[in-house]
Amino acid sequence: MLEEHEADYVLERGPDQEFGPDQNRILRRYFEVTGFEETNANAVWHHMVVQHGVPCSSCGKPLRTPRARMCAACGAQVASQDKNDQR
């Protein structure tokens, strides 16, 4: 997964790009950062850490969203992070 500063670098728009980075640039930079040759530039968006929740206290895998109430990997219930959270 990409940390926020890594995602900023990988997805950075070039000075000559009006609408955002091109797919080849994204894939090249993703490989520079991770060492993995991704073939789908859209998949890079999915690998940003900020889109996931904290690690599960039971299995350690990241929760699928910051608001997850259950770990999709092991099924453990997640205690609410915010006492005002009325899910």
C-alpha atoms as a PDB file:
ATOM      1  CA  MET A   1       0.000   0.000   0.000  1.00  0.00           C
ATOM      2  CA  LEU A   2       1.087   3.547  -0.611  1.00  0.00           C
ATOM      3  CA  GLU A   3       1.601   6.000   2.213  1.00  0.00           C
ATOM      4  CA  GLU A   4       0.050   9.415   1.561  1.00  0.00           C
ATOM      5  CA  HIS A   5       3.336  11.052   0.481  1.00  0.00           C
ATOM      6  CA  GLU A   6       4.048   8.143  -1.890  1.00  0.00           C
ATOM      7  CA  ALA A   7       0.578   8.414  -3.423  1.00  0.00           C
ATOM      8  CA  ASP A   8       1.106  12.153  -3.896  1.00  0.00           C
ATOM      9  CA  TYR A   9       4.295  11.426  -5.849  1.00  0.00           C
ATOM     10  CA  VAL A  10       2.859   8.570  -7.927  1.00  0.00           C
ATOM     11  CA  LEU A  11      -0.344  10.428  -8.838  1.00  0.00           C
ATOM     12  CA  GLU A  12       1.244  13.870  -9.261  1.00  0.00           C
ATOM     13  CA  ARG A  13       0.171  15.729 -12.365  1.00  0.00           C
ATOM     14  CA  GLY A  14       2.941  16.837 -14.707  1.00  0.00           C
ATOM     15  CA  PRO A  15       3.240  20.508 -15.733  1.00  0.00           C
ATOM     16  CA  ASP A  16       2.119  19.647 -19.273  1.00  0.00           C
ATOM     17  CA  GLN A  17      -0.901  17.624 -18.173  1.00  0.00           C
ATOM     18  CA  GLU A  18      -4.100  19.582 -17.879  1.00  0.00           C
ATOM     19  CA  PHE A  19      -6.320  16.770 -16.618  1.00  0.00           C
ATOM     20  CA  GLY A  20      -4.010  14.692 -14.442  1.00  0.00           C
ATOM     21  CA  PRO A  21      -1.205  12.173 -14.809  1.00  0.00           C
ATOM     22  CA  ASP A  22      -1.172   9.761 -17.717  1.00  0.00           C
ATOM     23  CA  GLN A  23      -1.378   6.034 -17.038  1.00  0.00           C
ATOM     24  CA  ASN A  24       2.194   5.252 -18.116  1.00  0.00           C
ATOM     25  CA  ARG A  25       3.574   7.838 -15.699  1.00  0.00           C
ATOM     26  CA  ILE A  26       1.453   6.466 -12.845  1.00  0.00           C
ATOM     27  CA  LEU A  27       2.575   2.893 -13.518  1.00  0.00           C
ATOM     28  CA  ARG A  28       6.245   3.893 -13.837  1.00  0.00           C
ATOM     29  CA  ARG A  29       6.215   5.831 -10.573  1.00  0.00           C
ATOM     30  CA  TYR A  30       4.275   3.093  -8.780  1.00  0.00           C
ATOM     31  CA  PHE A  31       7.015   0.646  -9.789  1.00  0.00           C
ATOM     32  CA  GLU A  32       9.710   3.091  -8.571  1.00  0.00           C
ATOM     33  CA  VAL A  33       8.056   3.286  -5.152  1.00  0.00           C
ATOM     34  CA  THR A  34       6.927  -0.320  -4.670  1.00  0.00           C
ATOM     35  CA  GLY A  35       9.033  -2.474  -6.988  1.00  0.00           C
ATOM     36  CA  PHE A  36       5.800  -4.080  -8.262  1.00  0.00           C
ATOM     37  CA  GLU A  37       4.896  -3.827 -11.957  1.00  0.00           C
ATOM     38  CA  GLU A  38       1.197  -2.981 -11.842  1.00  0.00           C
ATOM     39  CA  THR A  39      -0.529  -3.087 -15.232  1.00  0.00           C
ATOM     40  CA  ASN A  40      -3.720  -1.215 -14.335  1.00  0.00           C
ATOM     41  CA  ALA A  41      -3.325   2.434 -13.354  1.00  0.00           C
ATOM     42  CA  ASN A  42      -6.778   2.451 -11.742  1.00  0.00           C
ATOM     43  CA  ALA A  43      -5.614  -0.200  -9.272  1.00  0.00           C
ATOM     44  CA  VAL A  44      -3.075   2.276  -7.876  1.00  0.00           C
ATOM     45  CA  TRP A  45      -5.900   4.371  -6.392  1.00  0.00           C
ATOM     46  CA  HIS A  46      -7.051   1.316  -4.453  1.00  0.00           C
ATOM     47  CA  HIS A  47      -3.634   0.912  -2.814  1.00  0.00           C
ATOM     48  CA  MET A  48      -3.628   4.240  -0.978  1.00  0.00           C
ATOM     49  CA  VAL A  49      -3.390   3.785   2.796  1.00  0.00           C
ATOM     50  CA  VAL A  50      -5.747   6.678   3.558  1.00  0.00           C
ATOM     51  CA  GLN A  51      -8.617   4.723   2.010  1.00  0.00           C
ATOM     52  CA  HIS A  52      -8.205   1.885   4.506  1.00  0.00           C
ATOM     53  CA  GLY A  53      -8.783   1.674   8.232  1.00  0.00           C
ATOM     54  CA  VAL A  54      -6.421   0.897  11.076  1.00  0.00           C
ATOM     55  CA  PRO A  55      -4.935  -2.596  11.394  1.00  0.00           C
ATOM     56  CA  CYS A  56      -7.266  -5.181  12.956  1.00  0.00           C
ATOM     57  CA  SER A  57      -6.399  -5.800  16.600  1.00  0.00           C
ATOM     58  CA  SER A  58      -6.978  -9.499  16.049  1.00  0.00           C
ATOM     59  CA  CYS A  59      -5.187 -10.375  12.783  1.00  0.00           C
ATOM     60  CA  GLY A  60      -3.263  -7.196  11.900  1.00  0.00           C
ATOM     61  CA  LYS A  61      -4.703  -6.783   8.378  1.00  0.00           C
ATOM     62  CA  PRO A  62      -5.919  -3.273   7.489  1.00  0.00           C
ATOM     63  CA  LEU A  63      -9.648  -2.741   7.819  1.00  0.00           C
ATOM     64  CA  ARG A  64     -11.314  -2.090   4.478  1.00  0.00           C
ATOM     65  CA  THR A  65     -12.505   1.405   5.445  1.00  0.00           C
ATOM     66  CA  PRO A  66     -11.822   3.808   8.301  1.00  0.00           C
ATOM     67  CA  ARG A  67     -15.418   3.213   9.496  1.00  0.00           C
ATOM     68  CA  ALA A  68     -15.381  -0.606   9.356  1.00  0.00           C
ATOM     69  CA  ARG A  69     -17.131  -2.372  12.243  1.00  0.00           C
ATOM     70  CA  MET A  70     -15.859  -5.827  11.346  1.00  0.00           C
ATOM     71  CA  CYS A  71     -12.594  -7.134   9.911  1.00  0.00           C
ATOM     72  CA  ALA A  72     -13.229  -8.665   6.484  1.00  0.00           C
ATOM     73  CA  ALA A  73     -10.154 -10.888   6.822  1.00  0.00           C
ATOM     74  CA  CYS A  74     -10.865 -12.607  10.142  1.00  0.00           C
ATOM     75  CA  GLY A  75     -14.402 -11.529  11.093  1.00  0.00           C
ATOM     76  CA  ALA A  76     -13.404  -9.872  14.377  1.00  0.00           C
ATOM     77  CA  GLN A  77     -15.652  -7.097  15.645  1.00  0.00           C
ATOM     78  CA  VAL A  78     -13.967  -3.688  15.830  1.00  0.00           C
ATOM     79  CA  ALA A  79     -14.450  -1.416  18.821  1.00  0.00           C
ATOM     80  CA  SER A  80     -15.641   2.065  17.900  1.00  0.00           C
ATOM     81  CA  GLN A  81     -12.752   4.519  17.504  1.00  0.00           C
ATOM     82  CA  ASP A  82     -14.978   7.515  18.257  1.00  0.00           C
ATOM     83  CA  LYS A  83     -17.261   7.589  21.298  1.00  0.00           C
ATOM     84  CA  ASN A  84     -19.645   9.891  19.395  1.00  0.00           C
ATOM     85  CA  ASP A  85     -19.830   7.465  16.473  1.00  0.00           C
ATOM     86  CA  GLN A  86     -23.436   6.189  16.324  1.00  0.00           C
ATOM     87  CA  ARG A  87     -23.126   3.724  13.436  1.00  0.00           C
END
